[in-house]
Amino acid sequence: MKSSKLVIIPTFNEKENIQDMIVEVMALPESFDLLVIDDNSPDGTPELVKQMQETYPQRLSLIVRKGKLGLGTAYLEGFAYALKEGYEYIFEMDADFSHNPQDLSVLYTAAVTGNHDMVIGSRYVSGVNVVNWPMGRVLMSFFASKYVQFITGIPIKDTTAGFVCYHRKVLEAIQLDKVKFIGYAFQIEMKFTTWKMGFNILEVPIIFTDRTRGTSKMSKHIFREAILGVIYMKVKSIFVKPKPVNQI
């Protein structure tokens, strides 16, 4: 029987992590399906996923793109796939175990039992739950979310979180072809739009653990896009107001 739940994991050079991640997601009792979207990793990541498809032929899917096209575009492609295939709950998460796959169950349970449209695995909803990050990066991330809250008024404490569960009605309501940003600003834009449309959002505490294998994809360009993008989103929202969910 086809699952109602799809986990989307974008990858680029994640050969050290991807097979272990697939095994752990597949072992969860809620029976999540998994879509890996790879940006043509030269380290052989897509080939490793193809090997794993022999073990999970009905539950593991792979899209290989032509190159590095950005985190946001990967998720947008994954969202389109999820909606087309009829999934009800769609999850974003990283491949590097910074997000504990066991917490997928936590996000899913919160979405179902609390009738929440978006559930965010939050590093900052109950203090600062980050492991193995340098203090400078912790402060940068924490105050970036504070900055977003200040500029936009959004009541979400971890606005750049990349561990998220969406109900499909959120993705159906948002004009995904109009989403502008592709880096961390993508995460902010999706949360901001979901909030402005009046969907029911919940943050649940998780422990974020920095990767121990592979290399980070963070760059100054991605961070700069997020900082400047927040101002753009706020100004745009003044003149172009998203249609409230109760009017869709």
C-alpha atoms as a PDB file:
ATOM      1  CA  MET A   1       0.000   0.000   0.000  1.00  0.00           C
ATOM      2  CA  LYS A   2       1.353   3.405  -0.996  1.00  0.00           C
ATOM      3  CA  SER A   3       2.450   5.641   1.876  1.00  0.00           C
ATOM      4  CA  SER A   4       0.828   9.028   2.485  1.00  0.00           C
ATOM      5  CA  LYS A   5       4.180  10.443   3.639  1.00  0.00           C
ATOM      6  CA  LEU A   6       7.138  11.519   1.510  1.00  0.00           C
ATOM      7  CA  VAL A   7      10.527  12.680   2.785  1.00  0.00           C
ATOM      8  CA  ILE A   8      12.490  14.857   0.356  1.00  0.00           C
ATOM      9  CA  ILE A   9      16.274  14.954   0.745  1.00  0.00           C
ATOM     10  CA  PRO A  10      18.372  17.130  -1.596  1.00  0.00           C
ATOM     11  CA  THR A  11      21.951  15.928  -2.030  1.00  0.00           C
ATOM     12  CA  PHE A  12      25.260  17.070  -3.418  1.00  0.00           C
ATOM     13  CA  ASN A  13      28.341  14.982  -2.575  1.00  0.00           C
ATOM     14  CA  GLU A  14      26.772  13.050   0.298  1.00  0.00           C
ATOM     15  CA  LYS A  15      28.275   9.615  -0.327  1.00  0.00           C
ATOM     16  CA  GLU A  16      29.395   9.358   3.317  1.00  0.00           C
ATOM     17  CA  ASN A  17      25.843   9.777   4.605  1.00  0.00           C
ATOM     18  CA  ILE A  18      23.156   8.914   2.094  1.00  0.00           C
ATOM     19  CA  GLN A  19      22.990   5.128   2.395  1.00  0.00           C
ATOM     20  CA  ASP A  20      22.910   5.206   6.200  1.00  0.00           C
ATOM     21  CA  MET A  21      20.221   7.885   6.055  1.00  0.00           C
ATOM     22  CA  ILE A  22      18.097   5.823   3.667  1.00  0.00           C
ATOM     23  CA  VAL A  23      18.325   2.774   5.928  1.00  0.00           C
ATOM     24  CA  GLU A  24      17.253   4.754   8.992  1.00  0.00           C
ATOM     25  CA  VAL A  25      14.317   6.452   7.268  1.00  0.00           C
ATOM     26  CA  MET A  26      13.111   3.161   5.836  1.00  0.00           C
ATOM     27  CA  ALA A  27      13.229   1.528   9.275  1.00  0.00           C
ATOM     28  CA  LEU A  28      10.801   3.992  10.861  1.00  0.00           C
ATOM     29  CA  PRO A  29       7.488   2.402  11.879  1.00  0.00           C
ATOM     30  CA  GLU A  30       5.340   5.000  10.084  1.00  0.00           C
ATOM     31  CA  SER A  31       6.541   3.792   6.644  1.00  0.00           C
ATOM     32  CA  PHE A  32       7.830   6.968   5.032  1.00  0.00           C
ATOM     33  CA  ASP A  33       8.617   7.005   1.328  1.00  0.00           C
ATOM     34  CA  LEU A  34      11.804   8.838   0.336  1.00  0.00           C
ATOM     35  CA  LEU A  35      12.751  10.998  -2.632  1.00  0.00           C
ATOM     36  CA  VAL A  36      16.409  11.916  -3.121  1.00  0.00           C
ATOM     37  CA  ILE A  37      17.046  14.873  -5.410  1.00  0.00           C
ATOM     38  CA  ASP A  38      20.692  14.934  -6.404  1.00  0.00           C
ATOM     39  CA  ASP A  39      22.455  17.774  -8.212  1.00  0.00           C
ATOM     40  CA  ASN A  40      24.662  15.452 -10.278  1.00  0.00           C
ATOM     41  CA  SER A  41      27.131  14.766  -7.469  1.00  0.00           C
ATOM     42  CA  PRO A  42      30.580  13.883  -8.837  1.00  0.00           C
ATOM     43  CA  ASP A  43      31.326  11.738  -5.761  1.00  0.00           C
ATOM     44  CA  GLY A  44      28.910   8.970  -6.780  1.00  0.00           C
ATOM     45  CA  THR A  45      25.996   9.794  -4.483  1.00  0.00           C
ATOM     46  CA  PRO A  46      23.306   9.023  -7.113  1.00  0.00           C
ATOM     47  CA  GLU A  47      24.889   5.667  -7.916  1.00  0.00           C
ATOM     48  CA  LEU A  48      24.701   4.717  -4.232  1.00  0.00           C
ATOM     49  CA  VAL A  49      21.019   5.680  -4.149  1.00  0.00           C
ATOM     50  CA  LYS A  50      20.373   3.537  -7.235  1.00  0.00           C
ATOM     51  CA  GLN A  51      21.946   0.593  -5.421  1.00  0.00           C
ATOM     52  CA  MET A  52      19.586   1.157  -2.492  1.00  0.00           C
ATOM     53  CA  GLN A  53      16.590   1.219  -4.846  1.00  0.00           C
ATOM     54  CA  GLU A  54      17.147  -2.496  -5.386  1.00  0.00           C
ATOM     55  CA  THR A  55      16.350  -3.003  -1.689  1.00  0.00           C
ATOM     56  CA  TYR A  56      13.465  -0.482  -1.544  1.00  0.00           C
ATOM     57  CA  PRO A  57      12.068  -0.464  -5.098  1.00  0.00           C
ATOM     58  CA  GLN A  58       8.605   0.823  -4.178  1.00  0.00           C
ATOM     59  CA  ARG A  59       9.589   3.355  -1.519  1.00  0.00           C
ATOM     60  CA  LEU A  60      12.803   5.014  -2.706  1.00  0.00           C
ATOM     61  CA  SER A  61      12.849   7.394  -5.667  1.00  0.00           C
ATOM     62  CA  LEU A  62      15.681   9.400  -7.231  1.00  0.00           C
ATOM     63  CA  ILE A  63      15.809  12.502  -9.394  1.00  0.00           C
ATOM     64  CA  VAL A  64      19.234  13.453 -10.763  1.00  0.00           C
ATOM     65  CA  ARG A  65      19.477  17.015 -12.031  1.00  0.00           C
ATOM     66  CA  LYS A  66      22.019  18.454 -14.421  1.00  0.00           C
ATOM     67  CA  GLY A  67      24.061  20.350 -11.807  1.00  0.00           C
ATOM     68  CA  LYS A  68      23.961  22.553  -8.701  1.00  0.00           C
ATOM     69  CA  LEU A  69      20.684  24.421  -9.076  1.00  0.00           C
ATOM     70  CA  GLY A  70      20.072  25.417  -5.466  1.00  0.00           C
ATOM     71  CA  LEU A  71      18.336  24.018  -2.418  1.00  0.00           C
ATOM     72  CA  GLY A  72      15.076  25.823  -3.059  1.00  0.00           C
ATOM     73  CA  THR A  73      14.683  24.561  -6.612  1.00  0.00           C
ATOM     74  CA  ALA A  74      15.347  21.012  -5.407  1.00  0.00           C
ATOM     75  CA  TYR A  75      12.547  21.243  -2.878  1.00  0.00           C
ATOM     76  CA  LEU A  76      10.199  22.848  -5.391  1.00  0.00           C
ATOM     77  CA  GLU A  77      10.816  19.954  -7.763  1.00  0.00           C
ATOM     78  CA  GLY A  78      10.222  17.559  -4.894  1.00  0.00           C
ATOM     79  CA  PHE A  79       6.992  19.322  -3.922  1.00  0.00           C
ATOM     80  CA  ALA A  80       5.698  19.038  -7.483  1.00  0.00           C
ATOM     81  CA  TYR A  81       6.518  15.333  -7.469  1.00  0.00           C
ATOM     82  CA  ALA A  82       4.793  14.830  -4.096  1.00  0.00           C
ATOM     83  CA  LEU A  83       1.607  16.583  -5.181  1.00  0.00           C
ATOM     84  CA  LYS A  84       1.493  14.694  -8.461  1.00  0.00           C
ATOM     85  CA  GLU A  85       1.921  11.368  -6.668  1.00  0.00           C
ATOM     86  CA  GLY A  86      -0.793  12.144  -4.145  1.00  0.00           C
ATOM     87  CA  TYR A  87       1.186  12.366  -0.900  1.00  0.00           C
ATOM     88  CA  GLU A  88      -0.608  14.002   2.023  1.00  0.00           C
ATOM     89  CA  TYR A  89       2.380  14.856   4.239  1.00  0.00           C
ATOM     90  CA  ILE A  90       5.628  16.107   2.712  1.00  0.00           C
ATOM     91  CA  PHE A  91       8.857  16.485   4.689  1.00  0.00           C
ATOM     92  CA  GLU A  92      12.079  18.416   4.134  1.00  0.00           C
ATOM     93  CA  MET A  93      15.281  17.212   5.760  1.00  0.00           C
ATOM     94  CA  ASP A  94      19.054  17.187   5.293  1.00  0.00           C
ATOM     95  CA  ALA A  95      21.120  14.171   4.290  1.00  0.00           C
ATOM     96  CA  ASP A  96      23.962  14.720   6.760  1.00  0.00           C
ATOM     97  CA  PHE A  97      22.263  13.586  10.014  1.00  0.00           C
ATOM     98  CA  SER A  98      22.077  17.123  11.368  1.00  0.00           C
ATOM     99  CA  HIS A  99      18.381  16.229  11.488  1.00  0.00           C
ATOM    100  CA  ASN A 100      17.774  13.010  13.392  1.00  0.00           C
ATOM    101  CA  PRO A 101      15.610  10.746  11.188  1.00  0.00           C
ATOM    102  CA  GLN A 102      13.853   9.508  14.328  1.00  0.00           C
ATOM    103  CA  ASP A 103      12.363  12.999  14.639  1.00  0.00           C
ATOM    104  CA  LEU A 104      10.384  12.474  11.438  1.00  0.00           C
ATOM    105  CA  SER A 105       7.997  10.486  13.615  1.00  0.00           C
ATOM    106  CA  VAL A 106       7.736  13.441  16.012  1.00  0.00           C
ATOM    107  CA  LEU A 107       6.875  15.888  13.239  1.00  0.00           C
ATOM    108  CA  TYR A 108       4.370  13.508  11.682  1.00  0.00           C
ATOM    109  CA  THR A 109       2.606  12.785  14.977  1.00  0.00           C
ATOM    110  CA  ALA A 110       2.361  16.511  15.736  1.00  0.00           C
ATOM    111  CA  ALA A 111       0.880  17.196  12.314  1.00  0.00           C
ATOM    112  CA  VAL A 112      -1.715  14.448  12.541  1.00  0.00           C
ATOM    113  CA  THR A 113      -2.777  14.629  16.184  1.00  0.00           C
ATOM    114  CA  GLY A 114      -2.767  18.421  16.384  1.00  0.00           C
ATOM    115  CA  ASN A 115      -4.195  19.062  12.916  1.00  0.00           C
ATOM    116  CA  HIS A 116      -1.253  21.323  12.077  1.00  0.00           C
ATOM    117  CA  ASP A 117      -0.601  22.377   8.492  1.00  0.00           C
ATOM    118  CA  MET A 118       3.129  23.009   8.997  1.00  0.00           C
ATOM    119  CA  VAL A 119       5.294  21.465  11.705  1.00  0.00           C
ATOM    120  CA  ILE A 120       8.845  22.796  12.098  1.00  0.00           C
ATOM    121  CA  GLY A 121      11.666  20.898  13.771  1.00  0.00           C
ATOM    122  CA  SER A 122      12.986  23.875  15.705  1.00  0.00           C
ATOM    123  CA  ARG A 123      16.436  24.492  17.187  1.00  0.00           C
ATOM    124  CA  TYR A 124      15.307  27.551  19.133  1.00  0.00           C
ATOM    125  CA  VAL A 125      11.759  27.002  20.390  1.00  0.00           C
ATOM    126  CA  SER A 126      13.054  25.719  23.743  1.00  0.00           C
ATOM    127  CA  GLY A 127      16.428  27.382  24.200  1.00  0.00           C
ATOM    128  CA  VAL A 128      19.311  26.711  21.806  1.00  0.00           C
ATOM    129  CA  ASN A 129      19.473  23.020  20.883  1.00  0.00           C
ATOM    130  CA  VAL A 130      22.547  22.854  18.652  1.00  0.00           C
ATOM    131  CA  VAL A 131      25.438  20.393  19.014  1.00  0.00           C
ATOM    132  CA  ASN A 132      28.967  20.666  17.549  1.00  0.00           C
ATOM    133  CA  TRP A 133      28.574  24.090  15.949  1.00  0.00           C
ATOM    134  CA  PRO A 134      31.212  26.761  16.601  1.00  0.00           C
ATOM    135  CA  MET A 135      29.824  29.487  18.839  1.00  0.00           C
ATOM    136  CA  GLY A 136      30.091  32.024  16.019  1.00  0.00           C
ATOM    137  CA  ARG A 137      27.822  29.984  13.776  1.00  0.00           C
ATOM    138  CA  VAL A 138      25.338  29.360  16.597  1.00  0.00           C
ATOM    139  CA  LEU A 139      25.103  33.083  17.236  1.00  0.00           C
ATOM    140  CA  MET A 140      24.822  33.879  13.530  1.00  0.00           C
ATOM    141  CA  SER A 141      21.964  31.411  13.058  1.00  0.00           C
ATOM    142  CA  PHE A 142      20.141  32.375  16.253  1.00  0.00           C
ATOM    143  CA  PHE A 143      20.281  36.104  15.612  1.00  0.00           C
ATOM    144  CA  ALA A 144      19.395  35.613  11.946  1.00  0.00           C
ATOM    145  CA  SER A 145      16.066  34.192  13.103  1.00  0.00           C
ATOM    146  CA  LYS A 146      15.677  37.070  15.559  1.00  0.00           C
ATOM    147  CA  TYR A 147      16.321  39.466  12.678  1.00  0.00           C
ATOM    148  CA  VAL A 148      13.649  37.767  10.571  1.00  0.00           C
ATOM    149  CA  GLN A 149      11.165  37.981  13.444  1.00  0.00           C
ATOM    150  CA  PHE A 150      11.929  41.664  13.951  1.00  0.00           C
ATOM    151  CA  ILE A 151      11.591  42.624  10.278  1.00  0.00           C
ATOM    152  CA  THR A 152       8.553  40.510   9.416  1.00  0.00           C
ATOM    153  CA  GLY A 153       6.693  40.028  12.698  1.00  0.00           C
ATOM    154  CA  ILE A 154       6.553  36.290  12.093  1.00  0.00           C
ATOM    155  CA  PRO A 155       6.040  34.363  15.374  1.00  0.00           C
ATOM    156  CA  ILE A 156       8.391  31.519  14.408  1.00  0.00           C
ATOM    157  CA  LYS A 157      11.617  31.176  16.385  1.00  0.00           C
ATOM    158  CA  ASP A 158      13.571  29.068  13.871  1.00  0.00           C
ATOM    159  CA  THR A 159      12.785  30.708  10.563  1.00  0.00           C
ATOM    160  CA  THR A 160      15.711  29.147   8.669  1.00  0.00           C
ATOM    161  CA  ALA A 161      14.951  25.594   9.830  1.00  0.00           C
ATOM    162  CA  GLY A 162      15.268  22.980   7.102  1.00  0.00           C
ATOM    163  CA  PHE A 163      13.412  20.195   8.929  1.00  0.00           C
ATOM    164  CA  VAL A 164       9.747  20.729   8.104  1.00  0.00           C
ATOM    165  CA  CYS A 165       6.509  18.795   7.591  1.00  0.00           C
ATOM    166  CA  TYR A 166       3.906  20.261   5.234  1.00  0.00           C
ATOM    167  CA  HIS A 167       0.358  19.146   4.759  1.00  0.00           C
ATOM    168  CA  ARG A 168      -0.266  18.994   1.023  1.00  0.00           C
ATOM    169  CA  LYS A 169      -2.935  21.723   1.231  1.00  0.00           C
ATOM    170  CA  VAL A 170      -0.191  24.228   2.095  1.00  0.00           C
ATOM    171  CA  LEU A 171       1.805  23.379  -1.007  1.00  0.00           C
ATOM    172  CA  GLU A 172      -1.350  23.401  -3.116  1.00  0.00           C
ATOM    173  CA  ALA A 173      -2.250  26.870  -1.828  1.00  0.00           C
ATOM    174  CA  ILE A 174       1.163  28.504  -2.232  1.00  0.00           C
ATOM    175  CA  GLN A 175       2.006  29.572  -5.767  1.00  0.00           C
ATOM    176  CA  LEU A 176       5.181  27.525  -5.902  1.00  0.00           C
ATOM    177  CA  ASP A 177       6.153  28.900  -9.298  1.00  0.00           C
ATOM    178  CA  LYS A 178       6.308  32.358  -7.700  1.00  0.00           C
ATOM    179  CA  VAL A 179       8.749  31.364  -4.932  1.00  0.00           C
ATOM    180  CA  LYS A 180      11.761  33.612  -5.468  1.00  0.00           C
ATOM    181  CA  PHE A 181      14.666  32.376  -3.362  1.00  0.00           C
ATOM    182  CA  ILE A 182      16.843  29.285  -3.631  1.00  0.00           C
ATOM    183  CA  GLY A 183      19.105  29.287  -0.527  1.00  0.00           C
ATOM    184  CA  TYR A 184      18.261  29.682   3.155  1.00  0.00           C
ATOM    185  CA  ALA A 185      15.955  32.523   2.163  1.00  0.00           C
ATOM    186  CA  PHE A 186      13.804  29.830   0.551  1.00  0.00           C
ATOM    187  CA  GLN A 187      13.147  28.358   3.989  1.00  0.00           C
ATOM    188  CA  ILE A 188      12.186  31.775   5.335  1.00  0.00           C
ATOM    189  CA  GLU A 189       9.984  32.558   2.340  1.00  0.00           C
ATOM    190  CA  MET A 190       8.026  29.306   2.662  1.00  0.00           C
ATOM    191  CA  LYS A 191       7.373  29.857   6.366  1.00  0.00           C
ATOM    192  CA  PHE A 192       6.524  33.534   5.891  1.00  0.00           C
ATOM    193  CA  THR A 193       4.039  32.786   3.114  1.00  0.00           C
ATOM    194  CA  THR A 194       2.472  29.904   5.053  1.00  0.00           C
ATOM    195  CA  TRP A 195       2.049  32.172   8.079  1.00  0.00           C
ATOM    196  CA  LYS A 196       0.655  35.098   6.077  1.00  0.00           C
ATOM    197  CA  MET A 197      -1.932  32.785   4.528  1.00  0.00           C
ATOM    198  CA  GLY A 198      -3.175  31.823   7.984  1.00  0.00           C
ATOM    199  CA  PHE A 199      -2.211  28.174   8.095  1.00  0.00           C
ATOM    200  CA  ASN A 200      -1.818  26.413  11.438  1.00  0.00           C
ATOM    201  CA  ILE A 201       1.921  26.253  12.295  1.00  0.00           C
ATOM    202  CA  LEU A 202       3.666  24.457  15.157  1.00  0.00           C
ATOM    203  CA  GLU A 203       7.327  24.383  16.212  1.00  0.00           C
ATOM    204  CA  VAL A 204       8.512  21.261  18.004  1.00  0.00           C
ATOM    205  CA  PRO A 205      11.931  21.128  19.696  1.00  0.00           C
ATOM    206  CA  ILE A 206      14.666  19.027  18.108  1.00  0.00           C
ATOM    207  CA  ILE A 207      18.386  18.691  18.731  1.00  0.00           C
ATOM    208  CA  PHE A 208      20.377  19.789  15.682  1.00  0.00           C
ATOM    209  CA  THR A 209      23.761  18.065  15.407  1.00  0.00           C
ATOM    210  CA  ASP A 210      26.334  19.375  12.950  1.00  0.00           C
ATOM    211  CA  ARG A 211      27.535  16.921  10.347  1.00  0.00           C
ATOM    212  CA  THR A 212      30.446  14.653  11.204  1.00  0.00           C
ATOM    213  CA  ARG A 213      30.956  13.356   7.640  1.00  0.00           C
ATOM    214  CA  GLY A 214      31.106  15.288   4.389  1.00  0.00           C
ATOM    215  CA  THR A 215      31.368  19.047   3.937  1.00  0.00           C
ATOM    216  CA  SER A 216      28.936  21.883   4.635  1.00  0.00           C
ATOM    217  CA  LYS A 217      27.207  23.638   1.716  1.00  0.00           C
ATOM    218  CA  MET A 218      26.897  26.975   3.579  1.00  0.00           C
ATOM    219  CA  SER A 219      28.326  30.003   1.775  1.00  0.00           C
ATOM    220  CA  LYS A 220      28.420  33.773   2.257  1.00  0.00           C
ATOM    221  CA  HIS A 221      26.195  34.169  -0.806  1.00  0.00           C
ATOM    222  CA  ILE A 222      23.491  31.968   0.754  1.00  0.00           C
ATOM    223  CA  PHE A 223      23.620  33.920   4.012  1.00  0.00           C
ATOM    224  CA  ARG A 224      23.528  37.280   2.202  1.00  0.00           C
ATOM    225  CA  GLU A 225      20.504  36.174   0.171  1.00  0.00           C
ATOM    226  CA  ALA A 226      18.679  35.378   3.408  1.00  0.00           C
ATOM    227  CA  ILE A 227      19.468  38.738   5.033  1.00  0.00           C
ATOM    228  CA  LEU A 228      18.464  40.843   2.021  1.00  0.00           C
ATOM    229  CA  GLY A 229      15.608  38.537   1.047  1.00  0.00           C
ATOM    230  CA  VAL A 230      13.789  39.181   4.317  1.00  0.00           C
ATOM    231  CA  ILE A 231      13.484  42.876   3.494  1.00  0.00           C
ATOM    232  CA  TYR A 232      12.214  42.028   0.017  1.00  0.00           C
ATOM    233  CA  MET A 233       9.599  39.652   1.454  1.00  0.00           C
ATOM    234  CA  LYS A 234       8.368  42.190   3.966  1.00  0.00           C
ATOM    235  CA  VAL A 235       8.053  44.992   1.421  1.00  0.00           C
ATOM    236  CA  LYS A 236       6.381  42.713  -1.124  1.00  0.00           C
ATOM    237  CA  SER A 237       3.852  41.526   1.473  1.00  0.00           C
ATOM    238  CA  ILE A 238       2.719  45.106   2.028  1.00  0.00           C
ATOM    239  CA  PHE A 239       1.730  45.524  -1.609  1.00  0.00           C
ATOM    240  CA  VAL A 240       0.915  41.914  -2.596  1.00  0.00           C
ATOM    241  CA  LYS A 241      -0.961  40.150   0.181  1.00  0.00           C
ATOM    242  CA  PRO A 242      -1.220  36.326   0.015  1.00  0.00           C
ATOM    243  CA  LYS A 243      -4.805  35.106  -0.139  1.00  0.00           C
ATOM    244  CA  PRO A 244      -5.875  33.837   3.320  1.00  0.00           C
ATOM    245  CA  VAL A 245      -6.428  30.101   3.541  1.00  0.00           C
ATOM    246  CA  ASN A 246     -10.101  30.558   4.388  1.00  0.00           C
ATOM    247  CA  GLN A 247     -10.590  32.286   1.032  1.00  0.00           C
ATOM    248  CA  ILE A 248      -8.955  29.568  -1.058  1.00  0.00           C
END
